[in-house]
Each structure stands twice: as structure tokens, then as C-alpha cells.
N, C-alpha and C. Protein backbone atom coordinates (compact mmCIF):
# COMPACT_ATOMS: atom_id res chain seq x y z
N MET A 1 -59.71 89.93 19.07
CA MET A 1 -60.87 90.26 18.28
C MET A 1 -61.21 89.06 17.41
N ALA A 2 -62.47 88.70 17.38
CA ALA A 2 -62.90 87.56 16.60
C ALA A 2 -62.99 87.93 15.13
N SER A 3 -62.61 87.00 14.30
CA SER A 3 -62.67 87.22 12.85
C SER A 3 -64.08 86.93 12.36
N PRO A 4 -64.60 87.73 11.40
CA PRO A 4 -65.94 87.44 10.87
C PRO A 4 -65.94 86.15 10.05
N PHE A 5 -64.78 85.57 9.78
CA PHE A 5 -64.67 84.35 9.00
C PHE A 5 -64.44 83.14 9.89
N GLY A 6 -64.72 83.27 11.18
CA GLY A 6 -64.49 82.16 12.09
C GLY A 6 -63.15 82.31 12.76
N LYS A 7 -62.56 81.17 13.13
CA LYS A 7 -61.27 81.20 13.80
C LYS A 7 -60.21 81.73 12.86
N GLY A 8 -59.31 82.49 13.40
CA GLY A 8 -58.24 83.03 12.58
C GLY A 8 -57.68 84.28 13.21
N ILE A 9 -57.08 85.09 12.43
CA ILE A 9 -56.44 86.30 12.91
C ILE A 9 -56.93 87.48 12.08
N SER A 10 -57.10 88.62 12.69
CA SER A 10 -57.52 89.82 11.98
C SER A 10 -56.43 90.87 12.10
N PHE A 11 -56.25 91.64 11.07
CA PHE A 11 -55.28 92.73 11.07
C PHE A 11 -56.02 94.03 10.88
N MET A 12 -55.66 95.00 11.69
CA MET A 12 -56.23 96.34 11.55
C MET A 12 -55.10 97.30 11.28
N PRO A 13 -55.28 98.19 10.31
CA PRO A 13 -54.20 99.14 10.01
C PRO A 13 -54.00 100.12 11.17
N ILE A 14 -52.75 100.47 11.38
CA ILE A 14 -52.42 101.51 12.36
C ILE A 14 -52.35 102.81 11.58
N THR A 15 -53.18 103.76 11.97
CA THR A 15 -53.20 105.03 11.24
C THR A 15 -52.78 106.17 12.17
N ALA A 16 -52.09 107.12 11.60
CA ALA A 16 -51.64 108.28 12.37
C ALA A 16 -52.83 109.19 12.67
N LYS A 17 -52.79 109.84 13.84
CA LYS A 17 -53.86 110.77 14.19
C LYS A 17 -53.76 112.05 13.36
N LYS A 18 -52.54 112.44 13.06
CA LYS A 18 -52.31 113.63 12.25
C LYS A 18 -51.48 113.20 11.04
N PRO A 19 -51.61 113.94 9.93
CA PRO A 19 -50.77 113.61 8.77
C PRO A 19 -49.29 113.71 9.13
N ILE A 20 -48.50 112.77 8.64
CA ILE A 20 -47.07 112.77 8.92
C ILE A 20 -46.40 113.94 8.20
N VAL A 21 -46.82 114.21 6.98
CA VAL A 21 -46.33 115.37 6.24
C VAL A 21 -47.53 116.10 5.66
N LYS A 22 -47.37 117.37 5.45
CA LYS A 22 -48.45 118.16 4.84
C LYS A 22 -48.21 118.16 3.34
N THR A 23 -48.71 117.14 2.71
CA THR A 23 -48.49 117.02 1.26
C THR A 23 -49.83 117.00 0.55
N SER A 24 -49.79 117.40 -0.67
CA SER A 24 -50.98 117.39 -1.50
C SER A 24 -50.80 116.31 -2.56
N PRO A 25 -51.64 115.28 -2.55
CA PRO A 25 -51.54 114.27 -3.61
C PRO A 25 -51.64 114.90 -5.00
N GLY A 26 -52.41 115.95 -5.12
CA GLY A 26 -52.53 116.64 -6.41
C GLY A 26 -51.20 117.22 -6.86
N ALA A 27 -50.43 117.78 -5.93
CA ALA A 27 -49.13 118.36 -6.27
C ALA A 27 -48.15 117.25 -6.68
N VAL A 28 -48.20 116.13 -5.98
CA VAL A 28 -47.33 115.00 -6.33
C VAL A 28 -47.72 114.46 -7.71
N ARG A 29 -49.02 114.33 -7.95
CA ARG A 29 -49.50 113.84 -9.25
C ARG A 29 -49.04 114.77 -10.38
N GLN A 30 -49.06 116.09 -10.15
CA GLN A 30 -48.62 117.05 -11.17
C GLN A 30 -47.15 116.83 -11.53
N VAL A 31 -46.32 116.59 -10.53
CA VAL A 31 -44.90 116.33 -10.78
C VAL A 31 -44.76 115.05 -11.59
N LEU A 32 -45.52 114.02 -11.23
CA LEU A 32 -45.45 112.76 -11.96
C LEU A 32 -45.90 112.92 -13.41
N VAL A 33 -46.93 113.72 -13.62
CA VAL A 33 -47.40 113.97 -14.99
C VAL A 33 -46.34 114.72 -15.78
N ARG A 34 -45.68 115.70 -15.15
CA ARG A 34 -44.60 116.42 -15.84
C ARG A 34 -43.44 115.49 -16.17
N TRP A 35 -43.13 114.54 -15.26
CA TRP A 35 -42.09 113.55 -15.55
C TRP A 35 -42.50 112.69 -16.75
N GLY A 36 -43.73 112.20 -16.74
CA GLY A 36 -44.20 111.36 -17.85
C GLY A 36 -44.22 112.11 -19.17
N THR A 37 -44.62 113.37 -19.12
CA THR A 37 -44.66 114.19 -20.34
C THR A 37 -43.25 114.42 -20.88
N ALA A 38 -42.32 114.71 -19.99
CA ALA A 38 -40.92 114.92 -20.42
C ALA A 38 -40.34 113.63 -21.00
N THR A 39 -40.62 112.51 -20.36
CA THR A 39 -40.11 111.22 -20.83
C THR A 39 -40.70 110.86 -22.19
N SER A 40 -42.02 110.94 -22.33
CA SER A 40 -42.64 110.58 -23.61
C SER A 40 -42.23 111.56 -24.70
N GLY A 41 -42.01 112.83 -24.34
CA GLY A 41 -41.55 113.82 -25.32
C GLY A 41 -40.18 113.49 -25.87
N ARG A 42 -39.30 113.00 -25.02
CA ARG A 42 -37.97 112.61 -25.48
C ARG A 42 -38.00 111.32 -26.29
N MET A 43 -38.92 110.43 -25.98
CA MET A 43 -39.02 109.17 -26.72
C MET A 43 -39.50 109.41 -28.15
N PHE A 44 -40.11 110.53 -28.40
CA PHE A 44 -40.59 110.91 -29.72
C PHE A 44 -39.45 111.05 -30.72
N ARG A 45 -38.27 111.44 -30.22
CA ARG A 45 -37.12 111.70 -31.10
C ARG A 45 -36.48 110.40 -31.60
N TYR A 46 -36.09 110.42 -32.85
CA TYR A 46 -35.40 109.28 -33.47
C TYR A 46 -33.92 109.61 -33.63
N PRO A 47 -33.05 108.59 -33.62
CA PRO A 47 -31.64 108.85 -33.92
C PRO A 47 -31.48 109.08 -35.43
N PRO A 48 -30.34 109.61 -35.86
CA PRO A 48 -30.11 109.78 -37.30
C PRO A 48 -30.23 108.44 -38.03
N ALA A 49 -30.79 108.49 -39.21
CA ALA A 49 -30.96 107.26 -40.01
C ALA A 49 -29.59 106.71 -40.42
N GLN A 50 -29.51 105.40 -40.49
CA GLN A 50 -28.29 104.72 -40.93
C GLN A 50 -28.64 103.82 -42.11
N PRO A 51 -27.69 103.58 -42.99
CA PRO A 51 -27.98 102.74 -44.16
C PRO A 51 -28.39 101.32 -43.75
N TRP A 52 -29.25 100.74 -44.54
CA TRP A 52 -29.68 99.37 -44.31
C TRP A 52 -28.66 98.43 -44.94
N LYS A 53 -28.36 97.34 -44.28
CA LYS A 53 -27.38 96.38 -44.81
C LYS A 53 -27.88 95.73 -46.09
N GLY A 54 -29.17 95.40 -46.14
CA GLY A 54 -29.72 94.70 -47.31
C GLY A 54 -30.40 95.65 -48.29
N GLY A 55 -30.19 96.94 -48.16
CA GLY A 55 -30.86 97.90 -49.03
C GLY A 55 -32.23 98.28 -48.47
N TYR A 56 -32.76 99.38 -48.95
CA TYR A 56 -34.05 99.87 -48.47
C TYR A 56 -35.19 99.01 -49.00
N PRO A 57 -36.32 98.97 -48.27
CA PRO A 57 -37.49 98.24 -48.78
C PRO A 57 -37.95 98.83 -50.12
N LYS A 58 -38.43 97.98 -50.99
CA LYS A 58 -38.85 98.42 -52.33
C LYS A 58 -40.33 98.77 -52.38
N SER A 59 -41.10 98.36 -51.34
CA SER A 59 -42.53 98.68 -51.30
C SER A 59 -42.97 98.85 -49.85
N GLY A 60 -44.20 99.29 -49.68
CA GLY A 60 -44.76 99.46 -48.35
C GLY A 60 -44.45 100.82 -47.75
N PRO A 61 -44.87 101.04 -46.52
CA PRO A 61 -44.69 102.37 -45.91
C PRO A 61 -43.23 102.77 -45.72
N ARG A 62 -42.32 101.79 -45.68
CA ARG A 62 -40.90 102.09 -45.49
C ARG A 62 -40.14 102.16 -46.83
N LYS A 63 -40.86 102.18 -47.95
CA LYS A 63 -40.26 102.22 -49.28
C LYS A 63 -39.22 103.33 -49.35
N GLY A 64 -38.05 102.98 -49.82
CA GLY A 64 -36.98 103.97 -49.97
C GLY A 64 -36.33 104.36 -48.65
N GLY A 65 -36.65 103.66 -47.56
CA GLY A 65 -36.03 103.95 -46.27
C GLY A 65 -36.75 105.00 -45.45
N ARG A 66 -37.96 105.38 -45.88
CA ARG A 66 -38.73 106.39 -45.13
C ARG A 66 -39.03 105.91 -43.73
N ARG A 67 -39.13 106.86 -42.83
CA ARG A 67 -39.56 106.56 -41.46
C ARG A 67 -41.02 106.95 -41.34
N THR A 68 -41.82 106.07 -40.76
CA THR A 68 -43.26 106.30 -40.70
C THR A 68 -43.67 107.20 -39.53
N ARG A 69 -42.84 107.33 -38.53
CA ARG A 69 -43.11 108.09 -37.29
C ARG A 69 -44.17 107.41 -36.41
N LYS A 70 -44.60 106.20 -36.79
CA LYS A 70 -45.60 105.48 -36.01
C LYS A 70 -45.12 105.23 -34.58
N LEU A 71 -43.87 104.80 -34.44
CA LEU A 71 -43.32 104.50 -33.12
C LEU A 71 -43.23 105.77 -32.27
N GLY A 72 -42.61 106.79 -32.78
CA GLY A 72 -42.43 108.02 -32.01
C GLY A 72 -43.74 108.71 -31.66
N ASN A 73 -44.69 108.70 -32.58
CA ASN A 73 -45.97 109.37 -32.35
C ASN A 73 -46.88 108.62 -31.38
N SER A 74 -46.53 107.39 -31.03
CA SER A 74 -47.42 106.57 -30.20
C SER A 74 -47.09 106.59 -28.71
N TRP A 75 -46.05 107.29 -28.29
CA TRP A 75 -45.73 107.36 -26.86
C TRP A 75 -46.77 108.21 -26.16
N SER A 76 -47.23 107.74 -25.00
CA SER A 76 -48.22 108.48 -24.23
C SER A 76 -48.03 108.20 -22.74
N ILE A 77 -48.73 108.99 -21.93
CA ILE A 77 -48.68 108.75 -20.49
C ILE A 77 -50.06 108.32 -20.03
N LEU A 78 -50.08 107.39 -19.08
CA LEU A 78 -51.32 106.85 -18.54
C LEU A 78 -51.31 107.05 -17.03
N PRO A 79 -52.01 108.08 -16.52
CA PRO A 79 -52.04 108.29 -15.07
C PRO A 79 -52.86 107.21 -14.37
N GLY A 80 -52.45 106.89 -13.15
CA GLY A 80 -53.23 105.96 -12.34
C GLY A 80 -54.54 106.64 -11.93
N GLY A 81 -55.53 105.86 -11.63
CA GLY A 81 -56.83 106.42 -11.27
C GLY A 81 -57.03 106.55 -9.77
N GLY A 82 -57.96 107.38 -9.37
CA GLY A 82 -58.31 107.54 -7.96
C GLY A 82 -57.15 108.04 -7.12
N VAL A 83 -56.87 107.34 -6.03
CA VAL A 83 -55.79 107.75 -5.13
C VAL A 83 -54.44 107.18 -5.57
N ASP A 84 -54.42 106.43 -6.66
CA ASP A 84 -53.19 105.82 -7.16
C ASP A 84 -52.28 106.91 -7.73
N LEU A 85 -51.14 107.14 -7.07
CA LEU A 85 -50.18 108.13 -7.55
C LEU A 85 -49.15 107.43 -8.43
N SER A 86 -49.55 107.13 -9.64
CA SER A 86 -48.62 106.48 -10.56
C SER A 86 -48.84 107.03 -11.96
N ILE A 87 -47.79 106.97 -12.74
CA ILE A 87 -47.83 107.37 -14.14
C ILE A 87 -47.10 106.30 -14.92
N LYS A 88 -47.68 105.88 -16.02
CA LYS A 88 -47.05 104.89 -16.88
C LYS A 88 -46.77 105.54 -18.23
N VAL A 89 -45.54 105.42 -18.69
CA VAL A 89 -45.16 105.89 -20.02
C VAL A 89 -45.22 104.65 -20.90
N ALA A 90 -46.08 104.67 -21.92
CA ALA A 90 -46.33 103.46 -22.69
C ALA A 90 -46.42 103.73 -24.19
N ASN A 91 -46.23 102.67 -24.94
CA ASN A 91 -46.35 102.73 -26.39
C ASN A 91 -47.02 101.44 -26.86
N PRO A 92 -48.20 101.53 -27.49
CA PRO A 92 -48.92 100.33 -27.91
C PRO A 92 -48.40 99.68 -29.19
N VAL A 93 -47.44 100.31 -29.86
CA VAL A 93 -46.92 99.75 -31.11
C VAL A 93 -46.26 98.40 -30.80
N GLU A 94 -46.59 97.39 -31.58
CA GLU A 94 -46.18 96.01 -31.27
C GLU A 94 -44.67 95.82 -31.21
N TYR A 95 -43.88 96.61 -31.88
CA TYR A 95 -42.43 96.44 -31.87
C TYR A 95 -41.71 97.47 -30.98
N ALA A 96 -42.45 98.28 -30.24
CA ALA A 96 -41.85 99.34 -29.41
C ALA A 96 -40.83 98.79 -28.42
N GLY A 97 -41.13 97.68 -27.78
CA GLY A 97 -40.22 97.10 -26.80
C GLY A 97 -38.88 96.72 -27.39
N TYR A 98 -38.88 96.18 -28.60
CA TYR A 98 -37.64 95.77 -29.25
C TYR A 98 -36.76 96.97 -29.62
N VAL A 99 -37.41 98.09 -29.97
CA VAL A 99 -36.68 99.25 -30.46
C VAL A 99 -36.29 100.20 -29.32
N GLN A 100 -37.24 100.54 -28.45
CA GLN A 100 -36.99 101.52 -27.39
C GLN A 100 -37.38 100.99 -26.02
N GLY A 101 -37.28 99.69 -25.82
CA GLY A 101 -37.77 99.06 -24.60
C GLY A 101 -36.89 99.18 -23.37
N LEU A 102 -37.20 98.33 -22.42
CA LEU A 102 -36.53 98.31 -21.12
C LEU A 102 -35.16 97.65 -21.22
N LYS A 103 -34.42 97.67 -20.12
CA LYS A 103 -33.12 97.00 -20.05
C LYS A 103 -33.28 95.54 -19.64
N LYS A 104 -34.30 95.25 -18.82
CA LYS A 104 -34.58 93.89 -18.37
C LYS A 104 -36.08 93.68 -18.38
N GLY A 105 -36.49 92.45 -18.60
CA GLY A 105 -37.91 92.13 -18.60
C GLY A 105 -38.22 90.99 -19.54
N PRO A 106 -39.52 90.69 -19.71
CA PRO A 106 -39.90 89.60 -20.60
C PRO A 106 -39.65 89.94 -22.07
N LYS A 107 -39.56 88.91 -22.87
CA LYS A 107 -39.32 89.07 -24.31
C LYS A 107 -40.38 90.02 -24.89
N GLY A 108 -39.92 90.90 -25.75
CA GLY A 108 -40.82 91.86 -26.38
C GLY A 108 -40.87 93.20 -25.66
N THR A 109 -40.33 93.24 -24.44
CA THR A 109 -40.30 94.50 -23.69
C THR A 109 -38.87 95.03 -23.55
N VAL A 110 -37.89 94.24 -23.99
CA VAL A 110 -36.48 94.60 -23.82
C VAL A 110 -35.87 95.04 -25.14
N GLN A 111 -35.19 96.18 -25.10
CA GLN A 111 -34.53 96.71 -26.29
C GLN A 111 -33.46 95.74 -26.77
N THR A 112 -33.43 95.47 -28.06
CA THR A 112 -32.45 94.53 -28.62
C THR A 112 -31.11 95.24 -28.87
N ASP A 113 -30.07 94.43 -28.96
CA ASP A 113 -28.72 94.97 -29.21
C ASP A 113 -28.64 95.71 -30.54
N VAL A 114 -29.39 95.25 -31.52
CA VAL A 114 -29.38 95.90 -32.84
C VAL A 114 -29.76 97.38 -32.71
N PHE A 115 -30.80 97.66 -31.93
CA PHE A 115 -31.26 99.04 -31.80
C PHE A 115 -30.41 99.85 -30.83
N LYS A 116 -29.80 99.19 -29.86
CA LYS A 116 -28.83 99.88 -28.99
C LYS A 116 -27.67 100.38 -29.84
N LYS A 117 -27.16 99.50 -30.71
CA LYS A 117 -26.02 99.86 -31.56
C LYS A 117 -26.37 100.95 -32.56
N ARG A 118 -27.64 101.07 -32.92
CA ARG A 118 -28.08 102.11 -33.86
C ARG A 118 -28.50 103.38 -33.13
N ASN A 119 -28.15 103.47 -31.85
CA ASN A 119 -28.38 104.66 -31.02
C ASN A 119 -29.83 105.00 -30.73
N TRP A 120 -30.70 103.99 -30.72
CA TRP A 120 -32.07 104.23 -30.29
C TRP A 120 -32.07 104.31 -28.78
N GLN A 121 -32.73 105.30 -28.23
CA GLN A 121 -32.76 105.46 -26.78
C GLN A 121 -33.75 104.48 -26.16
N SER A 122 -33.43 104.05 -24.97
CA SER A 122 -34.28 103.13 -24.20
C SER A 122 -35.19 103.94 -23.29
N VAL A 123 -36.45 103.53 -23.19
CA VAL A 123 -37.39 104.23 -22.31
C VAL A 123 -36.91 104.15 -20.85
N ALA A 124 -36.19 103.08 -20.51
CA ALA A 124 -35.67 102.95 -19.14
C ALA A 124 -34.62 104.03 -18.86
N ASP A 125 -33.72 104.25 -19.81
CA ASP A 125 -32.68 105.27 -19.63
C ASP A 125 -33.27 106.67 -19.59
N VAL A 126 -34.15 106.96 -20.53
CA VAL A 126 -34.76 108.30 -20.60
C VAL A 126 -35.60 108.56 -19.35
N GLY A 127 -36.39 107.57 -18.94
CA GLY A 127 -37.21 107.73 -17.75
C GLY A 127 -36.38 107.99 -16.51
N GLU A 128 -35.27 107.28 -16.38
CA GLU A 128 -34.39 107.46 -15.23
C GLU A 128 -33.74 108.85 -15.24
N GLU A 129 -33.29 109.30 -16.41
CA GLU A 129 -32.69 110.64 -16.51
C GLU A 129 -33.70 111.72 -16.14
N GLU A 130 -34.91 111.59 -16.65
CA GLU A 130 -35.95 112.58 -16.35
C GLU A 130 -36.37 112.50 -14.88
N TRP A 131 -36.36 111.29 -14.31
CA TRP A 131 -36.72 111.11 -12.90
C TRP A 131 -35.73 111.86 -12.00
N LYS A 132 -34.44 111.75 -12.33
CA LYS A 132 -33.41 112.46 -11.55
C LYS A 132 -33.63 113.97 -11.59
N LYS A 133 -34.03 114.48 -12.75
CA LYS A 133 -34.28 115.92 -12.88
C LYS A 133 -35.48 116.36 -12.04
N LYS A 134 -36.45 115.48 -11.85
CA LYS A 134 -37.68 115.83 -11.14
C LYS A 134 -37.58 115.64 -9.63
N GLN A 135 -36.48 115.06 -9.12
CA GLN A 135 -36.37 114.78 -7.69
C GLN A 135 -36.56 116.01 -6.80
N PRO A 136 -35.88 117.15 -7.08
CA PRO A 136 -36.09 118.31 -6.21
C PRO A 136 -37.54 118.79 -6.21
N GLU A 137 -38.16 118.76 -7.38
CA GLU A 137 -39.55 119.19 -7.50
C GLU A 137 -40.47 118.23 -6.74
N LEU A 138 -40.19 116.94 -6.83
CA LEU A 138 -40.99 115.95 -6.13
C LEU A 138 -40.84 116.08 -4.62
N GLN A 139 -39.62 116.33 -4.16
CA GLN A 139 -39.39 116.50 -2.72
C GLN A 139 -40.15 117.71 -2.19
N LYS A 140 -40.20 118.79 -2.97
CA LYS A 140 -40.97 119.97 -2.57
C LYS A 140 -42.45 119.65 -2.49
N ALA A 141 -42.94 118.90 -3.48
CA ALA A 141 -44.36 118.53 -3.49
C ALA A 141 -44.72 117.66 -2.29
N ILE A 142 -43.84 116.72 -1.96
CA ILE A 142 -44.09 115.83 -0.82
C ILE A 142 -44.04 116.58 0.49
N SER A 143 -43.10 117.51 0.61
CA SER A 143 -42.96 118.26 1.87
C SER A 143 -43.97 119.39 1.99
N GLY A 144 -44.73 119.66 0.93
CA GLY A 144 -45.75 120.69 0.99
C GLY A 144 -45.24 122.08 0.69
N VAL A 145 -44.00 122.22 0.24
CA VAL A 145 -43.43 123.52 -0.08
C VAL A 145 -43.97 123.98 -1.43
N LYS A 146 -44.42 125.20 -1.50
CA LYS A 146 -44.94 125.75 -2.76
C LYS A 146 -43.78 126.03 -3.70
N ARG A 147 -44.02 125.84 -5.02
CA ARG A 147 -42.97 126.10 -6.00
C ARG A 147 -42.76 127.58 -6.17
């Protein structure tokens, strides 16, 4: 087959005549949304407060050691659009990665040792735990079995 761009090679996708599985993308998306909701819901929780080494701040929103809840209240889920079956659990707070971030990645997205030692949960760990819980439900959605 000649390429519309002149000499070269063209690739055509091989598509099945019948669906390989009887699955509903909507059902799969619902499971993914439930996973994202469970993950972001757990990220909302803070560990017990621990004393500050240098004493509590004397002014500002953290005066006296108060917690602002800005980090916990900012977790949300962002579904992919169209046929994209993806869900992103995200937090726009500028320091979220340092406190509750990933295990590996670029600077600013990885949880620091300080917060690991203070028992702050990592979004990577929570997401993985919730993902394992959703596996049977996801398999049912993919195979087309009604819940």
C-alpha cells in the first residue's frame, strides 16, 4: 500500500471482528473512580501530631502548632476524558509531594525521610493498598460480570 506521504511504510491496526471480552468501559471507569475516591479519602487523614524540635511557630496559620488541613483537604481525583480509562489522585498544594508523595520520581514529588519518620502516609503506598482491594471488582467489570 502506498503511503500518502510518498515512499515509506504504512501501518494499519488489526482489529477483532468481535469484542474479545464483553466489558463495559463505564463499569471499569466506575471501579477506577471508587479506587480514586478511597485513595484520596485515606490521604485526608493526618498522623498524630508530634512535638517540633525548634518549638511551635509564633505567628502565621501554624501558630501554636495548629494544623491548617490545607494538605488533607486538597486531595482530589481527576478522571481521564473521553475513552481514556484513567484516574489520577492529585494534590495541588506545593509541598504535597514532600509530605505525602511518591516513593520514586523527580524532586518535589517524592516523600522525604522526615515525613516518613513522622508516620505520614505516602500516596504510592495508599494507592497500592486500595488498588489491591479493588482487583476482584475490577476483574468482574472487565469480564462483564454484574456485581
